[in-house]
Amino acid sequence: MTAVAVPGVGAGLGAGVDGAGLWRPASGCGPDCLPPPAAPDVSRLRRAGRLLGVLGMLVAGTGLAVLLPLLPATRGRAALRGWALWTLRTLGVRLLVRGRAPRGRALLVANHVSWLDVLAVLAVSPARMLAKREVRRWPLVGALAAAAGTVFVDRSRPRDLPATVAQVAGALRSGRSVAVFPEGTTWCGAATDCRPSGGFRPAMFEAAVAAGAPVVPLRIGYRYAGDPSTLPAFLGEETLWASVRRVLAARGLTVSVALSAALHPGEGADRRSLARIAEAAIHPSPRPPLATQLDLAA
């Protein structure tokens, strides 16, 4: 395992830490990043069946979320993992996993391409999710997210950021894993020129430092008919329904999740350095050198 120790940095979280603009990141990805329109791979009847199946899984998931607090932790995680996996299968999406999921609590950090990312993360390592406030208003999905203990963040109110970080830290201290997408927005996952500027936002890494919890980077990727694809991406002004329709019509769609070694922040670690190290584990493209010292532990 890898330990990240950055002693001597005591950075607090205030309203201006990352700036209002950085707290509301945007990618440059648009319709041009998506594959050209094509005829559906599956029949209309099959697409309708998938849609009905997914609606049924969402209803079942809402019931499961109500039961989760009553179940032993191990059984609850297994039930949530099974629900996410079956929902992916209902959508016709195959899941491939590389690496070992953490056995205990962890801050899971991943790149963000699609609404499918949430299902992929839950199918690999069940966790409380961090999501933008707007998700709470989505039909069925919002109710399910709220019942499952999702931490909602209002990106229009940067002054609320310290309270959100404290809430995530509290969940970690209680033994729960929390999953976040520190890029702050979706992008196509392929065209590096439209990747969100500024890299991983460091705020939520402060929660891992405060709670003494490991950080586990997850790299999410998609393939369509065997080739890397942006088909499942959910971008810009596109509606959720438009993205869902592409997935329902696709055959041979695969999502892969690669888990990197856990990063263990030392006491007083710098959240910005920790964010950059986690980002480099997911996106190995060159970045400015880190002014940090890494201690490697077995």
C-alpha atoms as a PDB file:
ATOM      1  CA  MET A   1       0.000   0.000   0.000  1.00  0.00           C
ATOM      2  CA  THR A   2       1.130   3.592  -0.572  1.00  0.00           C
ATOM      3  CA  ALA A   3       1.269   6.152   2.213  1.00  0.00           C
ATOM      4  CA  VAL A   4       1.208   9.850   1.418  1.00  0.00           C
ATOM      5  CA  ALA A   5       2.770  11.965   4.128  1.00  0.00           C
ATOM      6  CA  VAL A   6       2.821  15.730   3.781  1.00  0.00           C
ATOM      7  CA  PRO A   7       3.539  17.046   7.265  1.00  0.00           C
ATOM      8  CA  GLY A   8       3.460  20.606   8.424  1.00  0.00           C
ATOM      9  CA  VAL A   9       0.530  21.880   6.388  1.00  0.00           C
ATOM     10  CA  GLY A  10      -2.511  23.095   8.309  1.00  0.00           C
ATOM     11  CA  ALA A  11      -4.804  24.436   5.598  1.00  0.00           C
ATOM     12  CA  GLY A  12      -8.336  25.272   6.705  1.00  0.00           C
ATOM     13  CA  LEU A  13     -11.419  25.327   4.541  1.00  0.00           C
ATOM     14  CA  GLY A  14     -13.061  28.699   4.010  1.00  0.00           C
ATOM     15  CA  ALA A  15     -15.444  30.138   1.516  1.00  0.00           C
ATOM     16  CA  GLY A  16     -12.656  31.221  -0.779  1.00  0.00           C
ATOM     17  CA  VAL A  17     -10.444  28.127  -0.642  1.00  0.00           C
ATOM     18  CA  ASP A  18     -11.130  26.939  -4.151  1.00  0.00           C
ATOM     19  CA  GLY A  19     -13.044  29.977  -5.383  1.00  0.00           C
ATOM     20  CA  ALA A  20     -16.620  30.024  -6.606  1.00  0.00           C
ATOM     21  CA  GLY A  21     -15.476  29.381 -10.166  1.00  0.00           C
ATOM     22  CA  LEU A  22     -13.411  26.364  -9.220  1.00  0.00           C
ATOM     23  CA  TRP A  23     -16.233  25.063  -7.052  1.00  0.00           C
ATOM     24  CA  ARG A  24     -18.476  25.018 -10.155  1.00  0.00           C
ATOM     25  CA  PRO A  25     -16.168  23.416 -12.742  1.00  0.00           C
ATOM     26  CA  ALA A  26     -17.126  22.854 -16.369  1.00  0.00           C
ATOM     27  CA  SER A  27     -15.687  20.694 -19.107  1.00  0.00           C
ATOM     28  CA  GLY A  28     -15.318  21.695 -22.728  1.00  0.00           C
ATOM     29  CA  CYS A  29     -16.946  18.508 -23.970  1.00  0.00           C
ATOM     30  CA  GLY A  30     -19.986  18.878 -26.190  1.00  0.00           C
ATOM     31  CA  PRO A  31     -21.955  16.960 -28.836  1.00  0.00           C
ATOM     32  CA  ASP A  32     -18.862  16.673 -31.039  1.00  0.00           C
ATOM     33  CA  CYS A  33     -17.299  14.395 -28.405  1.00  0.00           C
ATOM     34  CA  LEU A  34     -20.081  11.824 -28.813  1.00  0.00           C
ATOM     35  CA  PRO A  35     -20.165   9.170 -31.538  1.00  0.00           C
ATOM     36  CA  PRO A  36     -22.291  10.043 -34.592  1.00  0.00           C
ATOM     37  CA  PRO A  37     -25.948   8.983 -34.455  1.00  0.00           C
ATOM     38  CA  ALA A  38     -26.447   5.380 -35.510  1.00  0.00           C
ATOM     39  CA  ALA A  39     -29.261   2.906 -35.865  1.00  0.00           C
ATOM     40  CA  PRO A  40     -30.117   1.093 -32.617  1.00  0.00           C
ATOM     41  CA  ASP A  41     -28.275  -2.184 -32.044  1.00  0.00           C
ATOM     42  CA  VAL A  42     -31.268  -3.771 -30.344  1.00  0.00           C
ATOM     43  CA  SER A  43     -34.928  -3.948 -31.281  1.00  0.00           C
ATOM     44  CA  ARG A  44     -37.540  -1.516 -30.031  1.00  0.00           C
ATOM     45  CA  LEU A  45     -39.099  -4.297 -27.972  1.00  0.00           C
ATOM     46  CA  ARG A  46     -35.733  -5.040 -26.329  1.00  0.00           C
ATOM     47  CA  ARG A  47     -35.183  -1.365 -25.570  1.00  0.00           C
ATOM     48  CA  ALA A  48     -38.632  -1.119 -23.992  1.00  0.00           C
ATOM     49  CA  GLY A  49     -37.886  -4.217 -21.932  1.00  0.00           C
ATOM     50  CA  ARG A  50     -34.642  -2.716 -20.708  1.00  0.00           C
ATOM     51  CA  LEU A  51     -36.362   0.526 -19.759  1.00  0.00           C
ATOM     52  CA  LEU A  52     -39.109  -1.239 -17.831  1.00  0.00           C
ATOM     53  CA  GLY A  53     -36.496  -3.392 -16.136  1.00  0.00           C
ATOM     54  CA  VAL A  54     -34.485  -0.366 -15.049  1.00  0.00           C
ATOM     55  CA  LEU A  55     -37.593   1.390 -13.714  1.00  0.00           C
ATOM     56  CA  GLY A  56     -38.323  -1.745 -11.712  1.00  0.00           C
ATOM     57  CA  MET A  57     -34.757  -1.782 -10.348  1.00  0.00           C
ATOM     58  CA  LEU A  58     -35.088   1.860  -9.295  1.00  0.00           C
ATOM     59  CA  VAL A  59     -38.280   1.098  -7.396  1.00  0.00           C
ATOM     60  CA  ALA A  60     -36.630  -1.949  -5.808  1.00  0.00           C
ATOM     61  CA  GLY A  61     -33.607   0.170  -4.965  1.00  0.00           C
ATOM     62  CA  THR A  62     -35.746   2.692  -3.118  1.00  0.00           C
ATOM     63  CA  GLY A  63     -37.132  -0.127  -0.977  1.00  0.00           C
ATOM     64  CA  LEU A  64     -33.628  -1.480  -0.429  1.00  0.00           C
ATOM     65  CA  ALA A  65     -32.382   1.917   0.701  1.00  0.00           C
ATOM     66  CA  VAL A  66     -35.082   1.984   3.386  1.00  0.00           C
ATOM     67  CA  LEU A  67     -34.025  -1.482   4.592  1.00  0.00           C
ATOM     68  CA  LEU A  68     -30.277  -0.841   4.553  1.00  0.00           C
ATOM     69  CA  PRO A  69     -30.112   0.756   8.025  1.00  0.00           C
ATOM     70  CA  LEU A  70     -31.813  -2.369   9.436  1.00  0.00           C
ATOM     71  CA  LEU A  71     -29.405  -4.855   7.877  1.00  0.00           C
ATOM     72  CA  PRO A  72     -26.018  -5.903   9.265  1.00  0.00           C
ATOM     73  CA  ALA A  73     -23.272  -3.908   7.546  1.00  0.00           C
ATOM     74  CA  THR A  74     -21.897  -6.871   5.602  1.00  0.00           C
ATOM     75  CA  ARG A  75     -25.292  -7.944   4.285  1.00  0.00           C
ATOM     76  CA  GLY A  76     -26.235  -4.374   3.474  1.00  0.00           C
ATOM     77  CA  ARG A  77     -23.114  -3.855   1.364  1.00  0.00           C
ATOM     78  CA  ALA A  78     -23.705  -7.154  -0.420  1.00  0.00           C
ATOM     79  CA  ALA A  79     -27.316  -6.207  -1.151  1.00  0.00           C
ATOM     80  CA  LEU A  80     -26.334  -2.787  -2.506  1.00  0.00           C
ATOM     81  CA  ARG A  81     -23.587  -4.306  -4.642  1.00  0.00           C
ATOM     82  CA  GLY A  82     -25.999  -6.881  -6.028  1.00  0.00           C
ATOM     83  CA  TRP A  83     -28.602  -4.243  -6.825  1.00  0.00           C
ATOM     84  CA  ALA A  84     -26.096  -2.104  -8.737  1.00  0.00           C
ATOM     85  CA  LEU A  85     -24.738  -5.086 -10.642  1.00  0.00           C
ATOM     86  CA  TRP A  86     -28.191  -6.279 -11.674  1.00  0.00           C
ATOM     87  CA  THR A  87     -29.164  -2.762 -12.750  1.00  0.00           C
ATOM     88  CA  LEU A  88     -26.118  -2.657 -15.039  1.00  0.00           C
ATOM     89  CA  ARG A  89     -27.078  -6.052 -16.447  1.00  0.00           C
ATOM     90  CA  THR A  90     -30.643  -4.874 -17.002  1.00  0.00           C
ATOM     91  CA  LEU A  91     -29.224  -1.999 -19.040  1.00  0.00           C
ATOM     92  CA  GLY A  92     -27.161  -4.474 -21.070  1.00  0.00           C
ATOM     93  CA  VAL A  93     -23.863  -3.196 -19.632  1.00  0.00           C
ATOM     94  CA  ARG A  94     -21.078  -5.613 -18.713  1.00  0.00           C
ATOM     95  CA  LEU A  95     -18.804  -4.803 -15.752  1.00  0.00           C
ATOM     96  CA  LEU A  96     -15.069  -5.573 -15.696  1.00  0.00           C
ATOM     97  CA  VAL A  97     -13.038  -5.006 -12.526  1.00  0.00           C
ATOM     98  CA  ARG A  98      -9.290  -4.846 -12.039  1.00  0.00           C
ATOM     99  CA  GLY A  99      -7.767  -4.592  -8.602  1.00  0.00           C
ATOM    100  CA  ARG A 100      -9.123  -5.274  -5.134  1.00  0.00           C
ATOM    101  CA  ALA A 101     -11.849  -3.254  -3.472  1.00  0.00           C
ATOM    102  CA  PRO A 102     -11.081  -1.910   0.024  1.00  0.00           C
ATOM    103  CA  ARG A 103     -12.383  -4.059   2.860  1.00  0.00           C
ATOM    104  CA  GLY A 104     -12.889  -1.185   5.257  1.00  0.00           C
ATOM    105  CA  ARG A 105     -13.817   2.472   5.029  1.00  0.00           C
ATOM    106  CA  ALA A 106     -12.221   4.606   2.321  1.00  0.00           C
ATOM    107  CA  LEU A 107     -12.693   7.758   0.311  1.00  0.00           C
ATOM    108  CA  LEU A 108     -13.238   6.433  -3.212  1.00  0.00           C
ATOM    109  CA  VAL A 109     -12.287   8.951  -5.912  1.00  0.00           C
ATOM    110  CA  ALA A 110     -12.993   8.408  -9.605  1.00  0.00           C
ATOM    111  CA  ASN A 111     -13.044  10.173 -12.950  1.00  0.00           C
ATOM    112  CA  HIS A 112     -16.523  11.117 -14.121  1.00  0.00           C
ATOM    113  CA  VAL A 113     -17.915  10.247 -17.550  1.00  0.00           C
ATOM    114  CA  SER A 114     -21.506   9.123 -17.184  1.00  0.00           C
ATOM    115  CA  TRP A 115     -24.439   8.577 -14.873  1.00  0.00           C
ATOM    116  CA  LEU A 116     -23.444   4.913 -15.206  1.00  0.00           C
ATOM    117  CA  ASP A 117     -20.358   5.694 -13.115  1.00  0.00           C
ATOM    118  CA  VAL A 118     -22.435   5.602  -9.939  1.00  0.00           C
ATOM    119  CA  LEU A 119     -23.712   2.090 -10.671  1.00  0.00           C
ATOM    120  CA  ALA A 120     -20.191   0.930 -11.541  1.00  0.00           C
ATOM    121  CA  VAL A 121     -18.748   2.257  -8.280  1.00  0.00           C
ATOM    122  CA  LEU A 122     -21.541   0.754  -6.169  1.00  0.00           C
ATOM    123  CA  ALA A 123     -21.153  -2.604  -7.919  1.00  0.00           C
ATOM    124  CA  VAL A 124     -17.443  -2.639  -7.032  1.00  0.00           C
ATOM    125  CA  SER A 125     -17.415  -1.068  -3.563  1.00  0.00           C
ATOM    126  CA  PRO A 126     -20.729   0.070  -2.022  1.00  0.00           C
ATOM    127  CA  ALA A 127     -20.429   3.548  -0.534  1.00  0.00           C
ATOM    128  CA  ARG A 128     -22.317   6.711   0.242  1.00  0.00           C
ATOM    129  CA  MET A 129     -22.164   8.987  -2.781  1.00  0.00           C
ATOM    130  CA  LEU A 130     -21.463  12.695  -3.027  1.00  0.00           C
ATOM    131  CA  ALA A 131     -23.729  14.275  -5.641  1.00  0.00           C
ATOM    132  CA  LYS A 132     -24.791  17.720  -6.797  1.00  0.00           C
ATOM    133  CA  ARG A 133     -28.017  19.035  -5.303  1.00  0.00           C
ATOM    134  CA  GLU A 134     -29.822  18.843  -8.656  1.00  0.00           C
ATOM    135  CA  VAL A 135     -29.775  15.028  -8.527  1.00  0.00           C
ATOM    136  CA  ARG A 136     -32.175  15.176  -5.585  1.00  0.00           C
ATOM    137  CA  ARG A 137     -34.893  16.424  -8.001  1.00  0.00           C
ATOM    138  CA  TRP A 138     -34.478  13.648 -10.583  1.00  0.00           C
ATOM    139  CA  PRO A 139     -37.550  11.341 -10.770  1.00  0.00           C
ATOM    140  CA  LEU A 140     -37.044   8.101  -8.797  1.00  0.00           C
ATOM    141  CA  VAL A 141     -33.260   8.498  -8.887  1.00  0.00           C
ATOM    142  CA  GLY A 142     -33.381  11.440  -6.487  1.00  0.00           C
ATOM    143  CA  ALA A 143     -35.549   9.601  -3.983  1.00  0.00           C
ATOM    144  CA  LEU A 144     -33.294   6.554  -4.175  1.00  0.00           C
ATOM    145  CA  ALA A 145     -30.168   8.650  -3.719  1.00  0.00           C
ATOM    146  CA  ALA A 146     -31.599  10.421  -0.693  1.00  0.00           C
ATOM    147  CA  ALA A 147     -32.775   7.180   0.917  1.00  0.00           C
ATOM    148  CA  ALA A 148     -29.330   5.633   0.373  1.00  0.00           C
ATOM    149  CA  GLY A 149     -27.679   8.431   2.366  1.00  0.00           C
ATOM    150  CA  THR A 150     -26.221  10.438  -0.497  1.00  0.00           C
ATOM    151  CA  VAL A 151     -24.471  13.630   0.575  1.00  0.00           C
ATOM    152  CA  PHE A 152     -25.840  16.427  -1.604  1.00  0.00           C
ATOM    153  CA  VAL A 153     -23.684  19.452  -2.307  1.00  0.00           C
ATOM    154  CA  ASP A 154     -24.912  22.847  -3.476  1.00  0.00           C
ATOM    155  CA  ARG A 155     -22.215  24.076  -5.847  1.00  0.00           C
ATOM    156  CA  SER A 156     -23.838  27.506  -6.033  1.00  0.00           C
ATOM    157  CA  ARG A 157     -23.054  28.068  -2.334  1.00  0.00           C
ATOM    158  CA  PRO A 158     -19.304  27.697  -1.750  1.00  0.00           C
ATOM    159  CA  ARG A 159     -19.758  28.880   1.834  1.00  0.00           C
ATOM    160  CA  ASP A 160     -21.464  25.549   2.541  1.00  0.00           C
ATOM    161  CA  LEU A 161     -18.342  23.636   1.512  1.00  0.00           C
ATOM    162  CA  PRO A 162     -16.812  23.254   4.998  1.00  0.00           C
ATOM    163  CA  ALA A 163     -20.051  21.741   6.316  1.00  0.00           C
ATOM    164  CA  THR A 164     -20.145  19.283   3.418  1.00  0.00           C
ATOM    165  CA  VAL A 165     -16.528  18.273   4.039  1.00  0.00           C
ATOM    166  CA  ALA A 166     -17.343  17.771   7.723  1.00  0.00           C
ATOM    167  CA  GLN A 167     -20.307  15.576   6.794  1.00  0.00           C
ATOM    168  CA  VAL A 168     -18.119  13.391   4.571  1.00  0.00           C
ATOM    169  CA  ALA A 169     -15.460  13.179   7.299  1.00  0.00           C
ATOM    170  CA  GLY A 170     -18.139  12.130   9.777  1.00  0.00           C
ATOM    171  CA  ALA A 171     -19.296   9.322   7.490  1.00  0.00           C
ATOM    172  CA  LEU A 172     -15.698   8.112   7.154  1.00  0.00           C
ATOM    173  CA  ARG A 173     -15.172   8.210  10.921  1.00  0.00           C
ATOM    174  CA  SER A 174     -18.303   6.109  11.381  1.00  0.00           C
ATOM    175  CA  GLY A 175     -16.786   3.384   9.215  1.00  0.00           C
ATOM    176  CA  ARG A 176     -18.652   4.154   5.982  1.00  0.00           C
ATOM    177  CA  SER A 177     -16.965   4.557   2.631  1.00  0.00           C
ATOM    178  CA  VAL A 178     -17.796   7.646   0.593  1.00  0.00           C
ATOM    179  CA  ALA A 179     -17.425   7.933  -3.193  1.00  0.00           C
ATOM    180  CA  VAL A 180     -16.742  11.274  -4.882  1.00  0.00           C
ATOM    181  CA  PHE A 181     -15.982  12.512  -8.394  1.00  0.00           C
ATOM    182  CA  PRO A 182     -13.403  15.235  -7.691  1.00  0.00           C
ATOM    183  CA  GLU A 183     -13.379  16.526 -11.281  1.00  0.00           C
ATOM    184  CA  GLY A 184     -16.697  18.095 -10.303  1.00  0.00           C
ATOM    185  CA  THR A 185     -18.391  17.439 -13.638  1.00  0.00           C
ATOM    186  CA  THR A 186     -18.647  14.840 -16.381  1.00  0.00           C
ATOM    187  CA  TRP A 187     -16.518  14.829 -19.507  1.00  0.00           C
ATOM    188  CA  CYS A 188     -16.158  12.396 -22.396  1.00  0.00           C
ATOM    189  CA  GLY A 189     -13.165  10.574 -20.934  1.00  0.00           C
ATOM    190  CA  ALA A 190     -11.288  10.509 -24.234  1.00  0.00           C
ATOM    191  CA  ALA A 191     -10.570  13.983 -25.635  1.00  0.00           C
ATOM    192  CA  THR A 192      -8.032  15.446 -23.225  1.00  0.00           C
ATOM    193  CA  ASP A 193      -8.563  18.948 -24.594  1.00  0.00           C
ATOM    194  CA  CYS A 194     -12.038  19.096 -23.023  1.00  0.00           C
ATOM    195  CA  ARG A 195     -11.025  17.682 -19.668  1.00  0.00           C
ATOM    196  CA  PRO A 196     -12.187  19.929 -16.782  1.00  0.00           C
ATOM    197  CA  SER A 197      -9.534  22.539 -16.097  1.00  0.00           C
ATOM    198  CA  GLY A 198      -7.864  22.629 -12.718  1.00  0.00           C
ATOM    199  CA  GLY A 199      -7.770  18.864 -12.233  1.00  0.00           C
ATOM    200  CA  PHE A 200      -9.154  17.152  -9.147  1.00  0.00           C
ATOM    201  CA  ARG A 201     -10.761  19.542  -6.683  1.00  0.00           C
ATOM    202  CA  PRO A 202      -8.984  19.069  -3.351  1.00  0.00           C
ATOM    203  CA  ALA A 203     -11.770  19.924  -0.887  1.00  0.00           C
ATOM    204  CA  MET A 204     -13.102  16.426  -0.226  1.00  0.00           C
ATOM    205  CA  PHE A 205      -9.601  15.055   0.255  1.00  0.00           C
ATOM    206  CA  GLU A 206      -9.548  17.140   3.432  1.00  0.00           C
ATOM    207  CA  ALA A 207     -12.272  14.821   4.760  1.00  0.00           C
ATOM    208  CA  ALA A 208      -9.966  11.806   4.345  1.00  0.00           C
ATOM    209  CA  VAL A 209      -7.135  13.672   6.088  1.00  0.00           C
ATOM    210  CA  ALA A 210      -9.390  14.728   8.967  1.00  0.00           C
ATOM    211  CA  ALA A 211     -10.813  11.221   9.405  1.00  0.00           C
ATOM    212  CA  GLY A 212      -7.498   9.408   8.897  1.00  0.00           C
ATOM    213  CA  ALA A 213      -9.106   7.372   6.107  1.00  0.00           C
ATOM    214  CA  PRO A 214      -7.372   5.901   3.044  1.00  0.00           C
ATOM    215  CA  VAL A 215      -8.035   7.277  -0.427  1.00  0.00           C
ATOM    216  CA  VAL A 216      -8.623   4.727  -3.206  1.00  0.00           C
ATOM    217  CA  PRO A 217      -8.429   6.002  -6.820  1.00  0.00           C
ATOM    218  CA  LEU A 218     -10.748   4.320  -9.358  1.00  0.00           C
ATOM    219  CA  ARG A 219     -10.333   4.692 -13.098  1.00  0.00           C
ATOM    220  CA  ILE A 220     -13.588   4.251 -15.046  1.00  0.00           C
ATOM    221  CA  GLY A 221     -13.589   3.541 -18.777  1.00  0.00           C
ATOM    222  CA  TYR A 222     -16.126   2.460 -21.392  1.00  0.00           C
ATOM    223  CA  ARG A 223     -15.937   0.241 -24.458  1.00  0.00           C
ATOM    224  CA  TYR A 224     -18.523  -0.245 -27.155  1.00  0.00           C
ATOM    225  CA  ALA A 225     -18.253  -3.310 -29.397  1.00  0.00           C
ATOM    226  CA  GLY A 226     -14.751  -3.842 -28.024  1.00  0.00           C
ATOM    227  CA  ASP A 227     -13.369  -0.345 -28.686  1.00  0.00           C
ATOM    228  CA  PRO A 228     -12.993   2.656 -26.338  1.00  0.00           C
ATOM    229  CA  SER A 229     -16.106   4.778 -26.689  1.00  0.00           C
ATOM    230  CA  THR A 230     -17.765   7.957 -25.466  1.00  0.00           C
ATOM    231  CA  LEU A 231     -21.254   6.551 -26.149  1.00  0.00           C
ATOM    232  CA  PRO A 232     -22.320   6.459 -22.457  1.00  0.00           C
ATOM    233  CA  ALA A 233     -21.036   9.971 -21.721  1.00  0.00           C
ATOM    234  CA  PHE A 234     -23.440  12.529 -20.247  1.00  0.00           C
ATOM    235  CA  LEU A 235     -22.243  15.933 -21.436  1.00  0.00           C
ATOM    236  CA  GLY A 236     -23.008  19.625 -21.339  1.00  0.00           C
ATOM    237  CA  GLU A 237     -26.571  20.631 -22.118  1.00  0.00           C
ATOM    238  CA  GLU A 238     -27.615  17.129 -23.117  1.00  0.00           C
ATOM    239  CA  THR A 239     -30.621  15.747 -21.259  1.00  0.00           C
ATOM    240  CA  LEU A 240     -30.324  12.673 -19.088  1.00  0.00           C
ATOM    241  CA  TRP A 241     -32.994  10.978 -21.198  1.00  0.00           C
ATOM    242  CA  ALA A 242     -30.929  11.404 -24.379  1.00  0.00           C
ATOM    243  CA  SER A 243     -27.958   9.696 -22.725  1.00  0.00           C
ATOM    244  CA  VAL A 244     -30.154   6.923 -21.319  1.00  0.00           C
ATOM    245  CA  ARG A 245     -31.642   6.270 -24.763  1.00  0.00           C
ATOM    246  CA  ARG A 246     -28.180   5.732 -26.288  1.00  0.00           C
ATOM    247  CA  VAL A 247     -27.322   3.197 -23.608  1.00  0.00           C
ATOM    248  CA  LEU A 248     -30.656   1.383 -23.957  1.00  0.00           C
ATOM    249  CA  ALA A 249     -30.080   1.037 -27.703  1.00  0.00           C
ATOM    250  CA  ALA A 250     -26.488  -0.230 -27.486  1.00  0.00           C
ATOM    251  CA  ARG A 251     -25.243  -3.806 -27.636  1.00  0.00           C
ATOM    252  CA  GLY A 252     -21.806  -4.795 -26.383  1.00  0.00           C
ATOM    253  CA  LEU A 253     -21.315  -1.928 -23.933  1.00  0.00           C
ATOM    254  CA  THR A 254     -18.710  -2.529 -21.210  1.00  0.00           C
ATOM    255  CA  VAL A 255     -17.672  -0.465 -18.211  1.00  0.00           C
ATOM    256  CA  SER A 256     -14.311  -1.158 -16.616  1.00  0.00           C
ATOM    257  CA  VAL A 257     -13.225  -0.104 -13.133  1.00  0.00           C
ATOM    258  CA  ALA A 258      -9.521  -0.258 -12.273  1.00  0.00           C
ATOM    259  CA  LEU A 259      -8.662   0.206  -8.588  1.00  0.00           C
ATOM    260  CA  SER A 260      -5.265   1.614  -7.687  1.00  0.00           C
ATOM    261  CA  ALA A 261      -3.374   1.027  -4.451  1.00  0.00           C
ATOM    262  CA  ALA A 262      -4.775   2.925  -1.492  1.00  0.00           C
ATOM    263  CA  LEU A 263      -3.185   6.215  -0.481  1.00  0.00           C
ATOM    264  CA  HIS A 264      -2.829   6.740   3.258  1.00  0.00           C
ATOM    265  CA  PRO A 265      -2.536  10.440   4.141  1.00  0.00           C
ATOM    266  CA  GLY A 266      -0.289  11.167   7.073  1.00  0.00           C
ATOM    267  CA  GLU A 267      -1.335  13.479   9.877  1.00  0.00           C
ATOM    268  CA  GLY A 268      -1.520  17.046   8.591  1.00  0.00           C
ATOM    269  CA  ALA A 269      -1.237  15.960   4.949  1.00  0.00           C
ATOM    270  CA  ASP A 270      -1.843  18.578   2.268  1.00  0.00           C
ATOM    271  CA  ARG A 271      -5.147  17.908   0.547  1.00  0.00           C
ATOM    272  CA  ARG A 272      -3.950  19.521  -2.700  1.00  0.00           C
ATOM    273  CA  SER A 273      -0.947  17.228  -2.978  1.00  0.00           C
ATOM    274  CA  LEU A 274      -3.126  14.262  -2.093  1.00  0.00           C
ATOM    275  CA  ALA A 275      -5.587  15.234  -4.828  1.00  0.00           C
ATOM    276  CA  ARG A 276      -2.792  15.482  -7.406  1.00  0.00           C
ATOM    277  CA  ILE A 277      -1.381  12.079  -6.451  1.00  0.00           C
ATOM    278  CA  ALA A 278      -4.818  10.472  -6.747  1.00  0.00           C
ATOM    279  CA  GLU A 279      -5.381  12.224 -10.068  1.00  0.00           C
ATOM    280  CA  ALA A 280      -2.062  10.946 -11.417  1.00  0.00           C
ATOM    281  CA  ALA A 281      -3.101   7.398 -10.509  1.00  0.00           C
ATOM    282  CA  ILE A 282      -6.238   7.791 -12.654  1.00  0.00           C
ATOM    283  CA  HIS A 283      -4.907  10.066 -15.395  1.00  0.00           C
ATOM    284  CA  PRO A 284      -1.203   9.306 -15.929  1.00  0.00           C
ATOM    285  CA  SER A 285      -0.806  12.239 -18.334  1.00  0.00           C
ATOM    286  CA  PRO A 286       2.020  14.607 -17.333  1.00  0.00           C
ATOM    287  CA  ARG A 287       1.261  17.224 -14.708  1.00  0.00           C
ATOM    288  CA  PRO A 288       3.472  19.830 -13.027  1.00  0.00           C
ATOM    289  CA  PRO A 289       5.819  18.110 -10.520  1.00  0.00           C
ATOM    290  CA  LEU A 290       4.483  17.638  -7.012  1.00  0.00           C
ATOM    291  CA  ALA A 291       6.257  19.463  -4.254  1.00  0.00           C
ATOM    292  CA  THR A 292       5.681  16.595  -1.879  1.00  0.00           C
ATOM    293  CA  GLN A 293       7.525  13.716  -0.335  1.00  0.00           C
ATOM    294  CA  LEU A 294       6.194  10.203  -0.662  1.00  0.00           C
ATOM    295  CA  ASP A 295       6.884   7.548   1.920  1.00  0.00           C
ATOM    296  CA  LEU A 296       6.342   4.077   0.493  1.00  0.00           C
ATOM    297  CA  ALA A 297       5.146   1.399   2.879  1.00  0.00           C
ATOM    298  CA  ALA A 298       4.515  -2.274   2.238  1.00  0.00           C
END
